[in-house]
């Protein structure tokens, strides 16, 4: 396929429309995104910059109130990104908690009703997200917090690319379209972009956070294969949420001298 800068631009606009609540014009530009799925990570930079800048502003406007700032950052994340990926996490939780055959697990994941597994996953996830943002807000500088939020978002998007590159779809849908159009070049381009941003943002710790977030997508892939025999859009969306969380947890541990006190930074 002949490379076209206009196609990439349309794909970028399609990615903004797909991954955020921002107005992004015509819906048919999603087709261009599927031709260049590495653009997920480029959109992740935009999302991360907005969230990171918002976090810095909140800390400046609300000094001494890191808990309130952390709550507002979480609200901004889902106001900007929408609830689709959080819904995917809840569906994923319902699926792996369900008892029975793979077909029953897949049906539980596809069921629009929210089950106990989904509730547990969402509550635990939001709690951990809040706690880690608050720790960063208390223990680090404002600029560090902003950089951490940026790295968390690019890590989240690269995690989606990773599982789409490695996985096999279990049924037709948006997830299968992403999987079928994600190739080695998309993974490599995404990794190069995300690696560069992570190193520029926080150096080696940023790169470590990206790598650990990426490893989480391999783990989710293994869980998905075991329970569902493959992946779908919910599994990809789950990687987005877990990639963000694992990146933040990694940075909290690194810069609060937890389990990695021996590392040379």
C-alpha atoms as a PDB file:
ATOM      1  CA  UNK A   1       0.000   0.000   0.000  1.00  0.00           C
ATOM      2  CA  UNK A   2       1.388   3.371  -1.028  1.00  0.00           C
ATOM      3  CA  UNK A   3       2.224   5.654   1.872  1.00  0.00           C
ATOM      4  CA  UNK A   4       0.162   8.837   2.034  1.00  0.00           C
ATOM      5  CA  UNK A   5       0.649  11.650   4.512  1.00  0.00           C
ATOM      6  CA  UNK A   6      -3.010  12.536   4.085  1.00  0.00           C
ATOM      7  CA  UNK A   7      -4.050   8.993   5.032  1.00  0.00           C
ATOM      8  CA  UNK A   8      -1.896   9.244   8.173  1.00  0.00           C
ATOM      9  CA  UNK A   9      -3.484  12.583   9.043  1.00  0.00           C
ATOM     10  CA  UNK A  10      -6.957  11.134   8.580  1.00  0.00           C
ATOM     11  CA  UNK A  11      -5.903   8.149  10.681  1.00  0.00           C
ATOM     12  CA  UNK A  12      -4.694  10.449  13.438  1.00  0.00           C
ATOM     13  CA  UNK A  13      -8.005  12.302  13.417  1.00  0.00           C
ATOM     14  CA  UNK A  14      -9.808   8.951  13.434  1.00  0.00           C
ATOM     15  CA  UNK A  15      -7.692   7.884  16.418  1.00  0.00           C
ATOM     16  CA  UNK A  16      -8.629  11.012  18.331  1.00  0.00           C
ATOM     17  CA  UNK A  17     -12.291  10.319  17.636  1.00  0.00           C
ATOM     18  CA  UNK A  18     -11.945   6.649  18.611  1.00  0.00           C
ATOM     19  CA  UNK A  19      -9.818   7.009  21.745  1.00  0.00           C
ATOM     20  CA  UNK A  20     -11.155  10.264  23.172  1.00  0.00           C
ATOM     21  CA  UNK A  21     -14.380  12.207  23.567  1.00  0.00           C
ATOM     22  CA  UNK A  22     -12.914  15.111  21.595  1.00  0.00           C
ATOM     23  CA  UNK A  23     -14.779  16.070  18.396  1.00  0.00           C
ATOM     24  CA  UNK A  24     -12.837  14.658  15.453  1.00  0.00           C
ATOM     25  CA  UNK A  25     -14.951  15.081  12.362  1.00  0.00           C
ATOM     26  CA  UNK A  26     -16.126  12.317  10.092  1.00  0.00           C
ATOM     27  CA  UNK A  27     -16.502   8.786  11.438  1.00  0.00           C
ATOM     28  CA  UNK A  28     -15.231   7.215   8.196  1.00  0.00           C
ATOM     29  CA  UNK A  29     -11.718   8.322   9.150  1.00  0.00           C
ATOM     30  CA  UNK A  30     -11.603   5.321  11.499  1.00  0.00           C
ATOM     31  CA  UNK A  31     -10.820   3.249   8.407  1.00  0.00           C
ATOM     32  CA  UNK A  32      -7.596   5.224   7.981  1.00  0.00           C
ATOM     33  CA  UNK A  33      -6.680   4.538  11.615  1.00  0.00           C
ATOM     34  CA  UNK A  34      -6.928   0.807  10.959  1.00  0.00           C
ATOM     35  CA  UNK A  35      -4.378   1.214   8.170  1.00  0.00           C
ATOM     36  CA  UNK A  36      -1.920   2.736  10.652  1.00  0.00           C
ATOM     37  CA  UNK A  37      -2.681   1.290  14.090  1.00  0.00           C
ATOM     38  CA  UNK A  38       0.627   2.570  15.509  1.00  0.00           C
ATOM     39  CA  UNK A  39      -1.164   5.929  15.594  1.00  0.00           C
ATOM     40  CA  UNK A  40      -2.825   4.731  18.806  1.00  0.00           C
ATOM     41  CA  UNK A  41       0.435   5.677  20.531  1.00  0.00           C
ATOM     42  CA  UNK A  42       0.584   9.091  18.843  1.00  0.00           C
ATOM     43  CA  UNK A  43      -2.910   9.813  20.131  1.00  0.00           C
ATOM     44  CA  UNK A  44      -1.678   8.574  23.512  1.00  0.00           C
ATOM     45  CA  UNK A  45       0.861  11.392  23.538  1.00  0.00           C
ATOM     46  CA  UNK A  46      -1.908  13.959  23.033  1.00  0.00           C
ATOM     47  CA  UNK A  47      -4.042  12.372  25.757  1.00  0.00           C
ATOM     48  CA  UNK A  48      -1.079  12.150  28.129  1.00  0.00           C
ATOM     49  CA  UNK A  49      -0.118  15.779  27.578  1.00  0.00           C
ATOM     50  CA  UNK A  50      -3.647  16.952  28.345  1.00  0.00           C
ATOM     51  CA  UNK A  51      -3.950  14.793  31.460  1.00  0.00           C
ATOM     52  CA  UNK A  52      -0.412  15.600  32.614  1.00  0.00           C
ATOM     53  CA  UNK A  53      -0.917  19.339  32.200  1.00  0.00           C
ATOM     54  CA  UNK A  54      -4.265  19.081  33.994  1.00  0.00           C
ATOM     55  CA  UNK A  55      -2.602  17.249  36.892  1.00  0.00           C
ATOM     56  CA  UNK A  56       0.090  19.913  37.203  1.00  0.00           C
ATOM     57  CA  UNK A  57      -2.491  22.722  37.138  1.00  0.00           C
ATOM     58  CA  UNK A  58      -4.605  21.014  39.789  1.00  0.00           C
ATOM     59  CA  UNK A  59      -1.621  20.608  42.092  1.00  0.00           C
ATOM     60  CA  UNK A  60      -0.790  24.300  41.666  1.00  0.00           C
ATOM     61  CA  UNK A  61      -4.387  25.399  42.207  1.00  0.00           C
ATOM     62  CA  UNK A  62      -5.038  23.041  45.133  1.00  0.00           C
ATOM     63  CA  UNK A  63      -1.837  23.010  47.196  1.00  0.00           C
ATOM     64  CA  UNK A  64      -2.090  20.786  50.233  1.00  0.00           C
ATOM     65  CA  UNK A  65      -5.021  18.826  48.810  1.00  0.00           C
ATOM     66  CA  UNK A  66      -3.406  15.905  46.928  1.00  0.00           C
ATOM     67  CA  UNK A  67      -6.380  13.623  47.558  1.00  0.00           C
ATOM     68  CA  UNK A  68      -8.817  16.013  45.909  1.00  0.00           C
ATOM     69  CA  UNK A  69      -6.376  16.603  43.056  1.00  0.00           C
ATOM     70  CA  UNK A  70      -6.042  12.852  42.503  1.00  0.00           C
ATOM     71  CA  UNK A  71      -9.825  12.426  42.397  1.00  0.00           C
ATOM     72  CA  UNK A  72     -10.106  15.220  39.847  1.00  0.00           C
ATOM     73  CA  UNK A  73      -7.322  13.711  37.718  1.00  0.00           C
ATOM     74  CA  UNK A  74      -9.214  10.399  37.609  1.00  0.00           C
ATOM     75  CA  UNK A  75     -12.374  12.250  36.578  1.00  0.00           C
ATOM     76  CA  UNK A  76     -10.442  14.100  33.854  1.00  0.00           C
ATOM     77  CA  UNK A  77      -9.036  10.810  32.514  1.00  0.00           C
ATOM     78  CA  UNK A  78     -12.502   9.393  31.917  1.00  0.00           C
ATOM     79  CA  UNK A  79     -14.040  12.687  30.856  1.00  0.00           C
ATOM     80  CA  UNK A  80     -11.369  12.862  28.151  1.00  0.00           C
ATOM     81  CA  UNK A  81     -11.118   9.177  27.251  1.00  0.00           C
ATOM     82  CA  UNK A  82     -14.699   8.087  27.807  1.00  0.00           C
ATOM     83  CA  UNK A  83     -15.771   4.910  29.589  1.00  0.00           C
ATOM     84  CA  UNK A  84     -15.386   2.385  26.762  1.00  0.00           C
ATOM     85  CA  UNK A  85     -12.140   0.897  28.026  1.00  0.00           C
ATOM     86  CA  UNK A  86     -13.330   0.874  31.630  1.00  0.00           C
ATOM     87  CA  UNK A  87     -16.422  -0.981  30.408  1.00  0.00           C
ATOM     88  CA  UNK A  88     -14.084  -3.398  28.608  1.00  0.00           C
ATOM     89  CA  UNK A  89     -12.289  -4.055  31.900  1.00  0.00           C
ATOM     90  CA  UNK A  90     -15.589  -4.834  33.617  1.00  0.00           C
ATOM     91  CA  UNK A  91     -16.613  -7.201  30.797  1.00  0.00           C
ATOM     92  CA  UNK A  92     -13.217  -8.892  30.977  1.00  0.00           C
ATOM     93  CA  UNK A  93     -13.701  -9.361  34.714  1.00  0.00           C
ATOM     94  CA  UNK A  94     -17.138 -10.877  34.200  1.00  0.00           C
ATOM     95  CA  UNK A  95     -15.698 -13.261  31.628  1.00  0.00           C
ATOM     96  CA  UNK A  96     -12.819 -14.644  33.645  1.00  0.00           C
ATOM     97  CA  UNK A  97     -14.876 -14.918  36.832  1.00  0.00           C
ATOM     98  CA  UNK A  98     -17.660 -16.863  35.086  1.00  0.00           C
ATOM     99  CA  UNK A  99     -17.681 -20.625  35.616  1.00  0.00           C
ATOM    100  CA  UNK A 100     -18.064 -23.175  32.865  1.00  0.00           C
ATOM    101  CA  UNK A 101     -16.895 -23.608  29.298  1.00  0.00           C
ATOM    102  CA  UNK A 102     -15.173 -21.065  27.104  1.00  0.00           C
ATOM    103  CA  UNK A 103     -18.463 -20.352  25.377  1.00  0.00           C
ATOM    104  CA  UNK A 104     -20.083 -19.496  28.713  1.00  0.00           C
ATOM    105  CA  UNK A 105     -17.165 -17.248  29.620  1.00  0.00           C
ATOM    106  CA  UNK A 106     -17.340 -15.469  26.257  1.00  0.00           C
ATOM    107  CA  UNK A 107     -21.096 -15.022  26.628  1.00  0.00           C
ATOM    108  CA  UNK A 108     -20.575 -13.576  30.123  1.00  0.00           C
ATOM    109  CA  UNK A 109     -18.025 -11.158  28.712  1.00  0.00           C
ATOM    110  CA  UNK A 110     -20.382 -10.117  25.902  1.00  0.00           C
ATOM    111  CA  UNK A 111     -23.384  -9.759  28.221  1.00  0.00           C
ATOM    112  CA  UNK A 112     -24.333  -6.092  28.605  1.00  0.00           C
ATOM    113  CA  UNK A 113     -25.343  -6.633  32.242  1.00  0.00           C
ATOM    114  CA  UNK A 114     -22.697  -5.785  34.851  1.00  0.00           C
ATOM    115  CA  UNK A 115     -21.749  -8.807  36.944  1.00  0.00           C
ATOM    116  CA  UNK A 116     -19.947  -9.272  40.236  1.00  0.00           C
ATOM    117  CA  UNK A 117     -16.613  -9.827  38.500  1.00  0.00           C
ATOM    118  CA  UNK A 118     -16.967  -6.590  36.577  1.00  0.00           C
ATOM    119  CA  UNK A 119     -17.887  -4.603  39.690  1.00  0.00           C
ATOM    120  CA  UNK A 120     -14.911  -6.019  41.590  1.00  0.00           C
ATOM    121  CA  UNK A 121     -12.477  -5.222  38.775  1.00  0.00           C
ATOM    122  CA  UNK A 122     -13.733  -1.648  38.329  1.00  0.00           C
ATOM    123  CA  UNK A 123     -13.760  -0.796  42.040  1.00  0.00           C
ATOM    124  CA  UNK A 124     -10.295  -2.261  42.611  1.00  0.00           C
ATOM    125  CA  UNK A 125      -8.921  -0.566  39.503  1.00  0.00           C
ATOM    126  CA  UNK A 126     -10.257   2.914  40.320  1.00  0.00           C
ATOM    127  CA  UNK A 127      -9.054   2.583  43.910  1.00  0.00           C
ATOM    128  CA  UNK A 128      -5.528   1.631  42.815  1.00  0.00           C
ATOM    129  CA  UNK A 129      -5.494   4.365  40.176  1.00  0.00           C
ATOM    130  CA  UNK A 130      -6.475   6.985  42.758  1.00  0.00           C
ATOM    131  CA  UNK A 131      -3.969   5.739  45.345  1.00  0.00           C
ATOM    132  CA  UNK A 132      -1.028   5.790  42.954  1.00  0.00           C
ATOM    133  CA  UNK A 133      -1.832   9.228  41.550  1.00  0.00           C
ATOM    134  CA  UNK A 134      -2.161  10.559  45.107  1.00  0.00           C
ATOM    135  CA  UNK A 135       1.179   9.042  46.137  1.00  0.00           C
ATOM    136  CA  UNK A 136       2.873  10.676  43.165  1.00  0.00           C
ATOM    137  CA  UNK A 137       1.180  13.981  43.964  1.00  0.00           C
ATOM    138  CA  UNK A 138       2.443  13.851  47.560  1.00  0.00           C
ATOM    139  CA  UNK A 139       5.929  12.464  47.057  1.00  0.00           C
ATOM    140  CA  UNK A 140       7.099  14.008  43.781  1.00  0.00           C
ATOM    141  CA  UNK A 141       7.329  17.367  42.070  1.00  0.00           C
ATOM    142  CA  UNK A 142       4.498  18.743  39.966  1.00  0.00           C
ATOM    143  CA  UNK A 143       6.460  18.270  36.739  1.00  0.00           C
ATOM    144  CA  UNK A 144       7.233  14.670  37.668  1.00  0.00           C
ATOM    145  CA  UNK A 145       3.541  13.987  38.176  1.00  0.00           C
ATOM    146  CA  UNK A 146       2.769  15.483  34.765  1.00  0.00           C
ATOM    147  CA  UNK A 147       5.478  13.371  33.094  1.00  0.00           C
ATOM    148  CA  UNK A 148       4.216  10.257  34.885  1.00  0.00           C
ATOM    149  CA  UNK A 149       0.692  10.772  33.546  1.00  0.00           C
ATOM    150  CA  UNK A 150       2.092  11.211  30.024  1.00  0.00           C
ATOM    151  CA  UNK A 151       4.119   8.013  30.257  1.00  0.00           C
ATOM    152  CA  UNK A 152       1.132   6.150  31.703  1.00  0.00           C
ATOM    153  CA  UNK A 153      -0.993   7.048  28.675  1.00  0.00           C
ATOM    154  CA  UNK A 154       1.571   6.120  26.030  1.00  0.00           C
ATOM    155  CA  UNK A 155       2.204   2.873  27.942  1.00  0.00           C
ATOM    156  CA  UNK A 156      -1.534   2.180  27.900  1.00  0.00           C
ATOM    157  CA  UNK A 157      -1.765   2.681  24.149  1.00  0.00           C
ATOM    158  CA  UNK A 158       1.323   0.603  23.404  1.00  0.00           C
ATOM    159  CA  UNK A 159      -0.120  -2.199  25.531  1.00  0.00           C
ATOM    160  CA  UNK A 160      -3.160  -2.204  23.247  1.00  0.00           C
ATOM    161  CA  UNK A 161      -0.927  -2.453  20.170  1.00  0.00           C
ATOM    162  CA  UNK A 162       1.045  -5.304  21.748  1.00  0.00           C
ATOM    163  CA  UNK A 163      -1.921  -7.562  22.458  1.00  0.00           C
ATOM    164  CA  UNK A 164      -3.460  -6.744  19.067  1.00  0.00           C
ATOM    165  CA  UNK A 165      -0.179  -7.710  17.397  1.00  0.00           C
ATOM    166  CA  UNK A 166       0.160 -10.987  19.301  1.00  0.00           C
ATOM    167  CA  UNK A 167      -3.464 -12.071  19.705  1.00  0.00           C
ATOM    168  CA  UNK A 168      -5.973 -13.926  17.580  1.00  0.00           C
ATOM    169  CA  UNK A 169      -9.609 -12.750  17.517  1.00  0.00           C
ATOM    170  CA  UNK A 170     -12.346 -14.980  18.872  1.00  0.00           C
ATOM    171  CA  UNK A 171     -15.114 -13.327  16.864  1.00  0.00           C
ATOM    172  CA  UNK A 172     -15.741 -10.517  14.393  1.00  0.00           C
ATOM    173  CA  UNK A 173     -15.995  -6.974  15.734  1.00  0.00           C
ATOM    174  CA  UNK A 174     -13.942  -3.862  16.323  1.00  0.00           C
ATOM    175  CA  UNK A 175     -11.371  -5.907  18.211  1.00  0.00           C
ATOM    176  CA  UNK A 176     -10.848  -8.265  15.265  1.00  0.00           C
ATOM    177  CA  UNK A 177     -10.488  -5.306  12.888  1.00  0.00           C
ATOM    178  CA  UNK A 178      -7.710  -3.904  15.065  1.00  0.00           C
ATOM    179  CA  UNK A 179      -6.007  -7.309  15.388  1.00  0.00           C
ATOM    180  CA  UNK A 180      -6.197  -8.042  11.673  1.00  0.00           C
ATOM    181  CA  UNK A 181      -4.602  -4.695  10.847  1.00  0.00           C
ATOM    182  CA  UNK A 182      -1.821  -4.654  13.446  1.00  0.00           C
ATOM    183  CA  UNK A 183       1.501  -5.950  12.137  1.00  0.00           C
ATOM    184  CA  UNK A 184       5.113  -6.070  13.301  1.00  0.00           C
ATOM    185  CA  UNK A 185       5.812  -2.640  11.781  1.00  0.00           C
ATOM    186  CA  UNK A 186       2.961  -1.146  13.824  1.00  0.00           C
ATOM    187  CA  UNK A 187       4.333  -2.683  17.023  1.00  0.00           C
ATOM    188  CA  UNK A 188       7.870  -1.489  16.303  1.00  0.00           C
ATOM    189  CA  UNK A 189       6.835   2.045  15.343  1.00  0.00           C
ATOM    190  CA  UNK A 190       4.632   2.252  18.431  1.00  0.00           C
ATOM    191  CA  UNK A 191       7.445   1.015  20.668  1.00  0.00           C
ATOM    192  CA  UNK A 192       9.977   3.462  19.216  1.00  0.00           C
ATOM    193  CA  UNK A 193       7.590   6.386  19.730  1.00  0.00           C
ATOM    194  CA  UNK A 194       6.626   5.338  23.264  1.00  0.00           C
ATOM    195  CA  UNK A 195      10.221   4.523  24.233  1.00  0.00           C
ATOM    196  CA  UNK A 196      11.365   7.956  23.066  1.00  0.00           C
ATOM    197  CA  UNK A 197       8.618   9.751  24.988  1.00  0.00           C
ATOM    198  CA  UNK A 198       9.257   7.694  28.129  1.00  0.00           C
ATOM    199  CA  UNK A 199      12.996   8.369  28.111  1.00  0.00           C
ATOM    200  CA  UNK A 200      12.540  12.073  27.365  1.00  0.00           C
ATOM    201  CA  UNK A 201       9.952  12.308  30.135  1.00  0.00           C
ATOM    202  CA  UNK A 202      11.660  10.475  32.993  1.00  0.00           C
ATOM    203  CA  UNK A 203      14.750   8.744  31.666  1.00  0.00           C
ATOM    204  CA  UNK A 204      15.392   5.085  32.478  1.00  0.00           C
ATOM    205  CA  UNK A 205      12.560   4.911  35.057  1.00  0.00           C
ATOM    206  CA  UNK A 206      10.142   5.987  32.328  1.00  0.00           C
ATOM    207  CA  UNK A 207      11.434   3.226  30.057  1.00  0.00           C
ATOM    208  CA  UNK A 208      11.093   0.675  32.869  1.00  0.00           C
ATOM    209  CA  UNK A 209       7.469   1.746  33.400  1.00  0.00           C
ATOM    210  CA  UNK A 210       6.766   1.308  29.677  1.00  0.00           C
ATOM    211  CA  UNK A 211       8.335  -2.152  29.598  1.00  0.00           C
ATOM    212  CA  UNK A 212       6.482  -3.352  32.699  1.00  0.00           C
ATOM    213  CA  UNK A 213       3.200  -2.033  31.282  1.00  0.00           C
ATOM    214  CA  UNK A 214       3.962  -3.909  28.080  1.00  0.00           C
ATOM    215  CA  UNK A 215       4.620  -7.101  30.026  1.00  0.00           C
ATOM    216  CA  UNK A 216       1.152  -6.742  31.561  1.00  0.00           C
ATOM    217  CA  UNK A 217      -0.341  -7.009  28.062  1.00  0.00           C
ATOM    218  CA  UNK A 218       1.452 -10.337  27.575  1.00  0.00           C
ATOM    219  CA  UNK A 219      -0.031 -11.538  30.872  1.00  0.00           C
ATOM    220  CA  UNK A 220      -3.524 -10.437  29.825  1.00  0.00           C
ATOM    221  CA  UNK A 221      -2.984 -12.217  26.509  1.00  0.00           C
ATOM    222  CA  UNK A 222      -2.159 -15.431  28.377  1.00  0.00           C
ATOM    223  CA  UNK A 223      -5.230 -15.085  30.605  1.00  0.00           C
ATOM    224  CA  UNK A 224      -7.405 -14.392  27.553  1.00  0.00           C
ATOM    225  CA  UNK A 225      -6.119 -17.446  25.709  1.00  0.00           C
ATOM    226  CA  UNK A 226      -6.768 -19.637  28.734  1.00  0.00           C
ATOM    227  CA  UNK A 227     -10.301 -18.408  29.398  1.00  0.00           C
ATOM    228  CA  UNK A 228     -11.554 -17.396  25.941  1.00  0.00           C
ATOM    229  CA  UNK A 229      -9.257 -19.064  23.427  1.00  0.00           C
ATOM    230  CA  UNK A 230      -8.196 -15.682  22.018  1.00  0.00           C
ATOM    231  CA  UNK A 231      -8.927 -11.985  22.357  1.00  0.00           C
ATOM    232  CA  UNK A 232     -11.616  -9.460  21.481  1.00  0.00           C
ATOM    233  CA  UNK A 233     -12.119  -5.730  21.913  1.00  0.00           C
ATOM    234  CA  UNK A 234     -12.675  -6.127  25.659  1.00  0.00           C
ATOM    235  CA  UNK A 235      -9.254  -7.733  26.052  1.00  0.00           C
ATOM    236  CA  UNK A 236      -7.643  -4.897  24.104  1.00  0.00           C
ATOM    237  CA  UNK A 237      -9.475  -2.288  26.188  1.00  0.00           C
ATOM    238  CA  UNK A 238      -8.400  -4.074  29.367  1.00  0.00           C
ATOM    239  CA  UNK A 239      -4.779  -3.732  28.269  1.00  0.00           C
ATOM    240  CA  UNK A 240      -5.286   0.009  27.965  1.00  0.00           C
ATOM    241  CA  UNK A 241      -6.493   0.293  31.558  1.00  0.00           C
ATOM    242  CA  UNK A 242      -3.922  -2.093  33.003  1.00  0.00           C
ATOM    243  CA  UNK A 243      -1.077  -0.549  31.018  1.00  0.00           C
ATOM    244  CA  UNK A 244      -1.878   2.851  32.525  1.00  0.00           C
ATOM    245  CA  UNK A 245      -2.097   1.430  36.055  1.00  0.00           C
ATOM    246  CA  UNK A 246       1.044  -0.723  35.863  1.00  0.00           C
ATOM    247  CA  UNK A 247       3.074   2.206  34.533  1.00  0.00           C
ATOM    248  CA  UNK A 248       1.961   4.388  37.452  1.00  0.00           C
ATOM    249  CA  UNK A 249       2.583   1.641  40.023  1.00  0.00           C
ATOM    250  CA  UNK A 250       6.065   1.109  38.562  1.00  0.00           C
ATOM    251  CA  UNK A 251       6.920   4.800  38.882  1.00  0.00           C
ATOM    252  CA  UNK A 252       5.576   4.932  42.437  1.00  0.00           C
ATOM    253  CA  UNK A 253       7.784   2.004  43.440  1.00  0.00           C
ATOM    254  CA  UNK A 254      10.875   3.315  41.670  1.00  0.00           C
ATOM    255  CA  UNK A 255      10.774   6.827  43.055  1.00  0.00           C
ATOM    256  CA  UNK A 256       9.682   5.909  46.545  1.00  0.00           C
ATOM    257  CA  UNK A 257      12.593   3.478  46.909  1.00  0.00           C
ATOM    258  CA  UNK A 258      10.427   0.422  47.324  1.00  0.00           C
ATOM    259  CA  UNK A 259      11.306  -2.936  45.839  1.00  0.00           C
ATOM    260  CA  UNK A 260      13.845  -1.384  43.464  1.00  0.00           C
ATOM    261  CA  UNK A 261      15.993   0.557  45.919  1.00  0.00           C
ATOM    262  CA  UNK A 262      19.040  -1.173  44.465  1.00  0.00           C
ATOM    263  CA  UNK A 263      18.553   0.231  40.950  1.00  0.00           C
ATOM    264  CA  UNK A 264      21.037   2.951  39.920  1.00  0.00           C
ATOM    265  CA  UNK A 265      18.740   6.002  39.886  1.00  0.00           C
END
